Amino acid sequence: MTDPDNLKPADLEAYMQLHGIPGEILHLGVPTPTVEAAAEAVGSDPERIVKSILFLVAGRPVLTITCGPAYVERRTLAALYGVGRKKVKLASPETVLQETGYPVGGMPPFGHRLPLHTLIDHRVLEKPEVYAGGGADRTLIRMSPLTIMQAAHAQVLDLLTPPDPGLAADID
């Protein structure tokens, strides 16, 4: 079931053109809903696949951008926003679609229905070129990680390492 209000790769392409964002949209013949599937589809190392993951932090949507199979450290998000880690939840597929306009497995790192507060792991910026969600499960975008950071207005930080316990209290 496709909702006509959901955003599609053509909407992402139009957004990129409107804002002068360089990158290539790749329409692939196979689904790319996981890092491994995306890497195989483009013949790349999984570390060059960028995943965009939406969290709800005390009910507010926060988009994180990381490389490959890495896991976002929820305690880092909790410390950054001054909440207990139980207030940091992975957004449901329905919430992702509602907040971004794109489905899980195809969500791009920018060009959403409404701007999102976005955090990008510093390791993403170490890659010369990356692949990210292109708006659907058979579409990726290929671009520079610096372009992603700029287009998403993302804050750069370490999303994978737990915070120093002395920096913020975890108030569950």
N, C-alpha and C. Protein backbone atom coordinates (compact mmCIF):
# COMPACT_ATOMS: atom_id res chain seq x y z
N MET A 1 0.85 -1.18 0.00
CA MET A 1 0.00 0.00 0.00
C MET A 1 0.90 1.24 0.00
N THR A 2 0.77 2.06 -1.00
CA THR A 2 1.57 3.28 -1.13
C THR A 2 0.70 4.49 -0.87
N ASP A 3 1.15 5.33 0.05
CA ASP A 3 0.45 6.56 0.37
C ASP A 3 0.97 7.64 -0.57
N PRO A 4 0.10 8.33 -1.28
CA PRO A 4 0.58 9.36 -2.22
C PRO A 4 1.29 10.52 -1.52
N ASP A 5 1.10 10.67 -0.21
CA ASP A 5 1.78 11.74 0.53
C ASP A 5 3.20 11.38 0.93
N ASN A 6 3.56 10.08 0.81
CA ASN A 6 4.92 9.67 1.15
C ASN A 6 5.88 10.21 0.11
N LEU A 7 7.06 10.55 0.55
CA LEU A 7 8.09 11.06 -0.35
C LEU A 7 8.76 9.89 -1.08
N LYS A 8 9.28 10.19 -2.26
CA LYS A 8 9.88 9.17 -3.12
C LYS A 8 11.24 9.65 -3.60
N PRO A 9 12.02 8.77 -4.26
CA PRO A 9 13.32 9.19 -4.79
C PRO A 9 13.24 10.44 -5.66
N ALA A 10 12.18 10.59 -6.42
CA ALA A 10 12.03 11.79 -7.26
C ALA A 10 11.93 13.06 -6.40
N ASP A 11 11.32 12.95 -5.23
CA ASP A 11 11.24 14.10 -4.31
C ASP A 11 12.63 14.45 -3.78
N LEU A 12 13.41 13.42 -3.46
CA LEU A 12 14.78 13.65 -3.00
C LEU A 12 15.61 14.29 -4.11
N GLU A 13 15.48 13.79 -5.31
CA GLU A 13 16.21 14.34 -6.45
C GLU A 13 15.84 15.82 -6.67
N ALA A 14 14.56 16.14 -6.57
CA ALA A 14 14.11 17.53 -6.72
C ALA A 14 14.68 18.40 -5.61
N TYR A 15 14.72 17.88 -4.39
CA TYR A 15 15.28 18.61 -3.25
C TYR A 15 16.77 18.89 -3.49
N MET A 16 17.48 17.89 -3.97
CA MET A 16 18.91 18.05 -4.24
C MET A 16 19.14 19.10 -5.32
N GLN A 17 18.34 19.07 -6.36
CA GLN A 17 18.48 20.05 -7.44
C GLN A 17 18.16 21.46 -6.95
N LEU A 18 17.06 21.59 -6.22
CA LEU A 18 16.64 22.89 -5.70
C LEU A 18 17.71 23.53 -4.82
N HIS A 19 18.38 22.70 -4.01
CA HIS A 19 19.37 23.21 -3.05
C HIS A 19 20.81 23.08 -3.54
N GLY A 20 20.99 22.67 -4.79
CA GLY A 20 22.33 22.56 -5.35
C GLY A 20 23.21 21.55 -4.63
N ILE A 21 22.63 20.43 -4.24
CA ILE A 21 23.36 19.40 -3.50
C ILE A 21 23.90 18.38 -4.50
N PRO A 22 25.23 18.29 -4.63
CA PRO A 22 25.80 17.34 -5.59
C PRO A 22 25.72 15.90 -5.08
N GLY A 23 25.43 14.99 -5.96
CA GLY A 23 25.36 13.58 -5.63
C GLY A 23 24.64 12.85 -6.74
N GLU A 24 24.76 11.54 -6.72
CA GLU A 24 24.15 10.72 -7.76
C GLU A 24 23.13 9.77 -7.14
N ILE A 25 21.92 9.79 -7.67
CA ILE A 25 20.90 8.85 -7.22
C ILE A 25 21.03 7.58 -8.06
N LEU A 26 21.19 6.45 -7.38
CA LEU A 26 21.35 5.16 -8.05
C LEU A 26 20.08 4.35 -7.90
N HIS A 27 19.46 4.01 -9.02
CA HIS A 27 18.27 3.16 -9.01
C HIS A 27 18.75 1.74 -9.26
N LEU A 28 18.58 0.89 -8.28
CA LEU A 28 19.13 -0.46 -8.31
C LEU A 28 18.04 -1.50 -8.58
N GLY A 29 18.45 -2.64 -9.06
CA GLY A 29 17.50 -3.71 -9.38
C GLY A 29 17.17 -4.60 -8.21
N VAL A 30 17.79 -4.34 -7.05
CA VAL A 30 17.57 -5.17 -5.87
C VAL A 30 17.27 -4.29 -4.66
N PRO A 31 16.53 -4.82 -3.70
CA PRO A 31 16.26 -4.05 -2.47
C PRO A 31 17.55 -3.84 -1.67
N THR A 32 17.65 -2.70 -0.99
CA THR A 32 18.82 -2.36 -0.18
C THR A 32 18.42 -1.92 1.23
N PRO A 33 17.57 -2.70 1.92
CA PRO A 33 17.08 -2.25 3.22
C PRO A 33 18.08 -2.39 4.37
N THR A 34 19.18 -3.12 4.14
CA THR A 34 20.18 -3.29 5.20
C THR A 34 21.54 -2.83 4.68
N VAL A 35 22.45 -2.61 5.59
CA VAL A 35 23.82 -2.21 5.23
C VAL A 35 24.44 -3.27 4.32
N GLU A 36 24.29 -4.53 4.70
CA GLU A 36 24.89 -5.62 3.94
C GLU A 36 24.31 -5.69 2.53
N ALA A 37 23.00 -5.59 2.40
CA ALA A 37 22.36 -5.64 1.09
C ALA A 37 22.77 -4.45 0.22
N ALA A 38 22.87 -3.28 0.83
CA ALA A 38 23.28 -2.08 0.09
C ALA A 38 24.72 -2.21 -0.38
N ALA A 39 25.60 -2.69 0.49
CA ALA A 39 27.02 -2.86 0.13
C ALA A 39 27.16 -3.84 -1.03
N GLU A 40 26.43 -4.93 -0.96
CA GLU A 40 26.49 -5.93 -2.03
C GLU A 40 25.95 -5.36 -3.34
N ALA A 41 24.88 -4.61 -3.27
CA ALA A 41 24.25 -4.04 -4.47
C ALA A 41 25.16 -3.09 -5.23
N VAL A 42 26.01 -2.36 -4.50
CA VAL A 42 26.90 -1.39 -5.16
C VAL A 42 28.35 -1.86 -5.18
N GLY A 43 28.62 -3.07 -4.71
CA GLY A 43 29.97 -3.61 -4.71
C GLY A 43 30.92 -2.82 -3.83
N SER A 44 30.46 -2.47 -2.64
CA SER A 44 31.23 -1.62 -1.74
C SER A 44 31.44 -2.29 -0.40
N ASP A 45 32.37 -1.74 0.35
CA ASP A 45 32.62 -2.14 1.72
C ASP A 45 31.45 -1.63 2.58
N PRO A 46 30.93 -2.43 3.52
CA PRO A 46 29.84 -1.97 4.38
C PRO A 46 30.15 -0.67 5.14
N GLU A 47 31.43 -0.40 5.39
CA GLU A 47 31.80 0.84 6.08
C GLU A 47 31.49 2.09 5.25
N ARG A 48 31.29 1.93 3.96
CA ARG A 48 30.98 3.08 3.09
C ARG A 48 29.47 3.24 2.90
N ILE A 49 28.69 2.41 3.57
CA ILE A 49 27.24 2.56 3.56
C ILE A 49 26.88 3.39 4.79
N VAL A 50 26.17 4.46 4.55
CA VAL A 50 25.77 5.35 5.64
C VAL A 50 24.32 5.04 5.98
N LYS A 51 24.07 4.86 7.26
CA LYS A 51 22.68 4.63 7.66
C LYS A 51 22.17 5.81 8.47
N SER A 52 20.93 6.14 8.19
CA SER A 52 20.23 7.22 8.89
C SER A 52 19.22 6.56 9.81
N ILE A 53 19.34 6.83 11.10
CA ILE A 53 18.47 6.19 12.09
C ILE A 53 17.78 7.27 12.90
N LEU A 54 16.46 7.17 12.98
CA LEU A 54 15.68 8.15 13.74
C LEU A 54 15.43 7.64 15.15
N PHE A 55 15.75 8.48 16.12
CA PHE A 55 15.47 8.21 17.53
C PHE A 55 14.47 9.25 18.02
N LEU A 56 13.77 8.89 19.06
CA LEU A 56 12.95 9.85 19.80
C LEU A 56 13.66 10.06 21.14
N VAL A 57 14.06 11.28 21.39
CA VAL A 57 14.75 11.63 22.62
C VAL A 57 13.79 12.49 23.42
N ALA A 58 13.28 11.92 24.50
CA ALA A 58 12.24 12.58 25.30
C ALA A 58 11.09 13.03 24.38
N GLY A 59 10.78 12.19 23.40
CA GLY A 59 9.66 12.45 22.49
C GLY A 59 10.01 13.29 21.27
N ARG A 60 11.21 13.88 21.22
CA ARG A 60 11.63 14.71 20.08
C ARG A 60 12.40 13.88 19.06
N PRO A 61 12.11 14.02 17.77
CA PRO A 61 12.86 13.26 16.77
C PRO A 61 14.28 13.78 16.60
N VAL A 62 15.23 12.86 16.59
CA VAL A 62 16.64 13.19 16.38
C VAL A 62 17.18 12.16 15.38
N LEU A 63 17.75 12.65 14.28
CA LEU A 63 18.30 11.77 13.27
C LEU A 63 19.79 11.58 13.52
N THR A 64 20.22 10.32 13.47
CA THR A 64 21.64 10.02 13.59
C THR A 64 22.14 9.42 12.28
N ILE A 65 23.38 9.74 11.94
CA ILE A 65 23.99 9.23 10.71
C ILE A 65 25.31 8.57 11.09
N THR A 66 25.42 7.27 10.78
CA THR A 66 26.62 6.50 11.10
C THR A 66 27.02 5.65 9.91
N CYS A 67 28.20 5.06 10.01
CA CYS A 67 28.72 4.18 8.95
C CYS A 67 28.40 2.72 9.24
N GLY A 68 28.10 2.01 8.18
CA GLY A 68 28.05 0.55 8.18
C GLY A 68 27.35 -0.09 9.35
N PRO A 69 27.99 -1.13 9.87
CA PRO A 69 27.34 -1.93 10.91
C PRO A 69 27.42 -1.33 12.32
N ALA A 70 27.90 -0.10 12.45
CA ALA A 70 28.06 0.53 13.77
C ALA A 70 26.71 0.73 14.46
N TYR A 71 26.75 0.72 15.78
CA TYR A 71 25.56 0.97 16.59
C TYR A 71 25.70 2.31 17.31
N VAL A 72 24.64 3.09 17.26
CA VAL A 72 24.63 4.37 17.97
C VAL A 72 24.55 4.08 19.47
N GLU A 73 25.39 4.74 20.24
CA GLU A 73 25.40 4.60 21.69
C GLU A 73 24.31 5.50 22.27
N ARG A 74 23.25 4.90 22.75
CA ARG A 74 22.10 5.67 23.26
C ARG A 74 22.47 6.53 24.46
N ARG A 75 23.45 6.07 25.25
CA ARG A 75 23.87 6.87 26.41
C ARG A 75 24.47 8.20 25.96
N THR A 76 25.09 8.21 24.78
CA THR A 76 25.65 9.45 24.25
C THR A 76 24.52 10.43 23.93
N LEU A 77 23.45 9.92 23.31
CA LEU A 77 22.30 10.78 23.01
C LEU A 77 21.66 11.28 24.30
N ALA A 78 21.52 10.40 25.28
CA ALA A 78 20.93 10.79 26.56
C ALA A 78 21.76 11.89 27.22
N ALA A 79 23.08 11.72 27.23
CA ALA A 79 23.95 12.72 27.85
C ALA A 79 23.89 14.04 27.09
N LEU A 80 23.88 13.98 25.77
CA LEU A 80 23.85 15.19 24.96
C LEU A 80 22.59 16.02 25.23
N TYR A 81 21.46 15.33 25.41
CA TYR A 81 20.19 16.03 25.61
C TYR A 81 19.80 16.15 27.09
N GLY A 82 20.65 15.64 27.97
CA GLY A 82 20.38 15.78 29.40
C GLY A 82 19.17 15.01 29.89
N VAL A 83 18.99 13.80 29.33
CA VAL A 83 17.88 12.95 29.76
C VAL A 83 18.42 11.58 30.14
N GLY A 84 17.62 10.80 30.81
CA GLY A 84 17.99 9.43 31.12
C GLY A 84 17.94 8.57 29.86
N ARG A 85 18.74 7.50 29.83
CA ARG A 85 18.80 6.69 28.60
C ARG A 85 17.48 6.01 28.26
N LYS A 86 16.61 5.85 29.24
CA LYS A 86 15.30 5.26 28.94
C LYS A 86 14.41 6.23 28.16
N LYS A 87 14.82 7.49 28.08
CA LYS A 87 14.09 8.50 27.30
C LYS A 87 14.56 8.52 25.84
N VAL A 88 15.52 7.65 25.49
CA VAL A 88 16.04 7.56 24.12
C VAL A 88 15.51 6.27 23.52
N LYS A 89 14.64 6.40 22.54
CA LYS A 89 14.00 5.23 21.93
C LYS A 89 14.17 5.25 20.42
N LEU A 90 14.35 4.08 19.85
CA LEU A 90 14.39 3.95 18.40
C LEU A 90 12.98 4.23 17.88
N ALA A 91 12.86 5.06 16.86
CA ALA A 91 11.54 5.38 16.31
C ALA A 91 10.98 4.17 15.57
N SER A 92 9.69 3.98 15.67
CA SER A 92 9.01 2.89 14.95
C SER A 92 8.98 3.21 13.46
N PRO A 93 8.81 2.19 12.61
CA PRO A 93 8.69 2.46 11.17
C PRO A 93 7.58 3.47 10.85
N GLU A 94 6.49 3.42 11.59
CA GLU A 94 5.39 4.36 11.36
C GLU A 94 5.81 5.79 11.71
N THR A 95 6.55 5.94 12.81
CA THR A 95 7.02 7.26 13.22
C THR A 95 8.04 7.80 12.21
N VAL A 96 8.93 6.92 11.72
CA VAL A 96 9.91 7.34 10.72
C VAL A 96 9.19 7.88 9.49
N LEU A 97 8.20 7.15 9.02
CA LEU A 97 7.44 7.58 7.84
C LEU A 97 6.71 8.90 8.10
N GLN A 98 6.10 9.02 9.26
CA GLN A 98 5.37 10.25 9.61
C GLN A 98 6.31 11.45 9.73
N GLU A 99 7.46 11.28 10.39
CA GLU A 99 8.37 12.40 10.64
C GLU A 99 9.19 12.80 9.41
N THR A 100 9.57 11.80 8.60
CA THR A 100 10.49 12.09 7.49
C THR A 100 9.81 12.08 6.13
N GLY A 101 8.73 11.30 6.00
CA GLY A 101 8.08 11.13 4.70
C GLY A 101 8.63 9.94 3.94
N TYR A 102 9.71 9.33 4.46
CA TYR A 102 10.36 8.20 3.81
C TYR A 102 10.27 6.94 4.67
N PRO A 103 10.27 5.77 4.02
CA PRO A 103 10.20 4.51 4.78
C PRO A 103 11.56 4.11 5.35
N VAL A 104 11.52 3.33 6.42
CA VAL A 104 12.73 2.70 6.95
C VAL A 104 13.32 1.85 5.83
N GLY A 105 14.64 1.84 5.72
CA GLY A 105 15.28 1.06 4.67
C GLY A 105 15.54 1.86 3.41
N GLY A 106 15.01 3.07 3.34
CA GLY A 106 15.24 3.93 2.19
C GLY A 106 15.39 5.39 2.57
N MET A 107 15.30 5.66 3.88
CA MET A 107 15.32 7.05 4.34
C MET A 107 16.67 7.71 4.06
N PRO A 108 16.65 8.85 3.36
CA PRO A 108 17.90 9.57 3.12
C PRO A 108 18.31 10.37 4.35
N PRO A 109 19.55 10.86 4.36
CA PRO A 109 20.03 11.63 5.52
C PRO A 109 19.57 13.10 5.54
N PHE A 110 18.86 13.54 4.51
CA PHE A 110 18.36 14.92 4.43
C PHE A 110 17.17 14.94 3.47
N GLY A 111 16.54 16.10 3.34
CA GLY A 111 15.41 16.23 2.41
C GLY A 111 14.11 15.67 2.94
N HIS A 112 13.96 15.67 4.24
CA HIS A 112 12.77 15.10 4.87
C HIS A 112 11.59 16.06 4.81
N ARG A 113 10.45 15.56 5.20
CA ARG A 113 9.22 16.35 5.22
C ARG A 113 9.43 17.66 5.98
N LEU A 114 10.06 17.56 7.14
CA LEU A 114 10.42 18.74 7.95
C LEU A 114 11.87 18.58 8.37
N PRO A 115 12.59 19.68 8.57
CA PRO A 115 13.98 19.57 9.02
C PRO A 115 14.05 18.85 10.37
N LEU A 116 15.07 18.03 10.53
CA LEU A 116 15.27 17.28 11.77
C LEU A 116 16.60 17.69 12.39
N HIS A 117 16.65 17.70 13.72
CA HIS A 117 17.95 17.88 14.36
C HIS A 117 18.75 16.64 14.03
N THR A 118 19.95 16.83 13.45
CA THR A 118 20.72 15.71 12.92
C THR A 118 22.12 15.69 13.50
N LEU A 119 22.55 14.48 13.87
CA LEU A 119 23.88 14.24 14.41
C LEU A 119 24.60 13.27 13.48
N ILE A 120 25.85 13.55 13.14
CA ILE A 120 26.62 12.68 12.27
C ILE A 120 27.88 12.23 13.01
N ASP A 121 28.14 10.93 12.97
CA ASP A 121 29.33 10.41 13.61
C ASP A 121 30.56 10.86 12.83
N HIS A 122 31.61 11.28 13.55
CA HIS A 122 32.81 11.81 12.90
C HIS A 122 33.46 10.80 11.97
N ARG A 123 33.25 9.52 12.18
CA ARG A 123 33.86 8.49 11.33
C ARG A 123 33.31 8.53 9.90
N VAL A 124 32.08 9.00 9.75
CA VAL A 124 31.49 9.11 8.40
C VAL A 124 32.35 10.05 7.55
N LEU A 125 32.84 11.11 8.17
CA LEU A 125 33.59 12.13 7.43
C LEU A 125 34.99 11.66 7.01
N GLU A 126 35.41 10.51 7.51
CA GLU A 126 36.73 9.96 7.14
C GLU A 126 36.69 9.26 5.78
N LYS A 127 35.51 9.00 5.25
CA LYS A 127 35.38 8.27 3.98
C LYS A 127 35.42 9.27 2.82
N PRO A 128 36.03 8.86 1.68
CA PRO A 128 36.06 9.77 0.53
C PRO A 128 34.71 9.90 -0.16
N GLU A 129 33.94 8.83 -0.14
CA GLU A 129 32.62 8.81 -0.78
C GLU A 129 31.80 7.74 -0.07
N VAL A 130 30.50 7.99 0.07
CA VAL A 130 29.62 7.05 0.75
C VAL A 130 28.32 6.87 -0.02
N TYR A 131 27.58 5.86 0.39
CA TYR A 131 26.25 5.59 -0.15
C TYR A 131 25.25 5.71 0.99
N ALA A 132 24.13 6.37 0.74
CA ALA A 132 23.10 6.55 1.77
C ALA A 132 21.74 6.23 1.16
N GLY A 133 20.73 6.14 2.01
CA GLY A 133 19.37 5.89 1.55
C GLY A 133 18.96 6.91 0.51
N GLY A 134 18.31 6.42 -0.54
CA GLY A 134 17.92 7.29 -1.64
C GLY A 134 16.44 7.52 -1.77
N GLY A 135 15.68 7.21 -0.73
CA GLY A 135 14.26 7.50 -0.76
C GLY A 135 13.36 6.29 -0.92
N ALA A 136 13.94 5.14 -1.27
CA ALA A 136 13.17 3.89 -1.41
C ALA A 136 14.14 2.73 -1.19
N ASP A 137 13.60 1.54 -1.03
CA ASP A 137 14.46 0.40 -0.70
C ASP A 137 15.28 -0.14 -1.87
N ARG A 138 15.13 0.44 -3.06
CA ARG A 138 15.94 0.05 -4.22
C ARG A 138 16.72 1.24 -4.77
N THR A 139 16.92 2.24 -3.93
CA THR A 139 17.57 3.47 -4.37
C THR A 139 18.57 3.94 -3.32
N LEU A 140 19.76 4.31 -3.78
CA LEU A 140 20.79 4.87 -2.91
C LEU A 140 21.30 6.16 -3.53
N ILE A 141 21.89 7.02 -2.69
CA ILE A 141 22.59 8.18 -3.23
C ILE A 141 24.08 7.99 -2.96
N ARG A 142 24.89 8.38 -3.92
CA ARG A 142 26.35 8.33 -3.78
C ARG A 142 26.83 9.77 -3.73
N MET A 143 27.59 10.08 -2.66
CA MET A 143 28.07 11.45 -2.50
C MET A 143 29.16 11.52 -1.46
N SER A 144 29.71 12.70 -1.35
CA SER A 144 30.73 12.96 -0.34
C SER A 144 30.06 13.06 1.04
N PRO A 145 30.71 12.53 2.08
CA PRO A 145 30.14 12.66 3.42
C PRO A 145 30.06 14.11 3.89
N LEU A 146 30.97 14.94 3.42
CA LEU A 146 30.92 16.36 3.76
C LEU A 146 29.65 17.00 3.20
N THR A 147 29.25 16.58 2.01
CA THR A 147 28.01 17.07 1.41
C THR A 147 26.82 16.65 2.27
N ILE A 148 26.82 15.41 2.75
CA ILE A 148 25.74 14.95 3.63
C ILE A 148 25.68 15.81 4.89
N MET A 149 26.84 16.03 5.51
CA MET A 149 26.88 16.83 6.73
C MET A 149 26.31 18.23 6.49
N GLN A 150 26.72 18.84 5.38
CA GLN A 150 26.25 20.20 5.08
C GLN A 150 24.76 20.21 4.73
N ALA A 151 24.31 19.27 3.91
CA ALA A 151 22.91 19.24 3.50
C ALA A 151 21.97 18.97 4.67
N ALA A 152 22.44 18.16 5.62
CA ALA A 152 21.62 17.81 6.79
C ALA A 152 21.78 18.81 7.92
N HIS A 153 22.70 19.78 7.78
CA HIS A 153 23.03 20.72 8.85
C HIS A 153 23.34 19.94 10.13
N ALA A 154 24.15 18.90 9.96
CA ALA A 154 24.40 17.96 11.05
C ALA A 154 25.51 18.43 11.98
N GLN A 155 25.32 18.11 13.23
CA GLN A 155 26.33 18.33 14.27
C GLN A 155 27.24 17.11 14.29
N VAL A 156 28.55 17.31 14.26
CA VAL A 156 29.51 16.22 14.23
C VAL A 156 29.90 15.85 15.66
N LEU A 157 29.87 14.55 15.96
CA LEU A 157 30.33 14.06 17.25
C LEU A 157 30.57 12.56 17.20
N ASP A 158 31.01 12.01 18.29
CA ASP A 158 31.25 10.57 18.39
C ASP A 158 29.95 9.94 18.88
N LEU A 159 29.28 9.23 17.99
CA LEU A 159 28.00 8.60 18.33
C LEU A 159 28.15 7.16 18.80
N LEU A 160 29.37 6.62 18.75
CA LEU A 160 29.55 5.20 19.02
C LEU A 160 30.18 4.89 20.37
N THR A 161 30.81 5.89 21.00
CA THR A 161 31.51 5.68 22.26
C THR A 161 30.65 6.17 23.41
N PRO A 162 30.53 5.37 24.47
CA PRO A 162 29.75 5.85 25.62
C PRO A 162 30.37 7.14 26.17
N PRO A 163 29.52 8.02 26.69
CA PRO A 163 30.03 9.29 27.22
C PRO A 163 30.83 9.06 28.50
N ASP A 164 31.68 10.01 28.81
CA ASP A 164 32.42 9.99 30.07
C ASP A 164 31.40 10.13 31.19
N PRO A 165 31.38 9.21 32.14
CA PRO A 165 30.36 9.27 33.20
C PRO A 165 30.43 10.56 34.02
N GLY A 166 31.56 11.22 34.02
CA GLY A 166 31.68 12.45 34.78
C GLY A 166 31.08 13.64 34.08
N LEU A 167 30.76 13.51 32.78
CA LEU A 167 30.26 14.66 32.02
C LEU A 167 28.77 14.92 32.24
N ALA A 168 28.00 13.85 32.38
CA ALA A 168 26.55 14.03 32.54
C ALA A 168 25.98 12.90 33.38
N ALA A 169 25.03 13.22 34.17
CA ALA A 169 24.38 12.20 35.00
C ALA A 169 23.31 11.50 34.18
N ASP A 170 23.20 10.21 34.35
CA ASP A 170 22.16 9.44 33.68
C ASP A 170 20.99 9.31 34.64
N ILE A 171 19.97 10.11 34.42
CA ILE A 171 18.85 10.16 35.35
C ILE A 171 17.67 9.38 34.79
N ASP A 172 17.71 8.08 35.00
CA ASP A 172 16.62 7.22 34.49
C ASP A 172 15.42 7.54 35.28
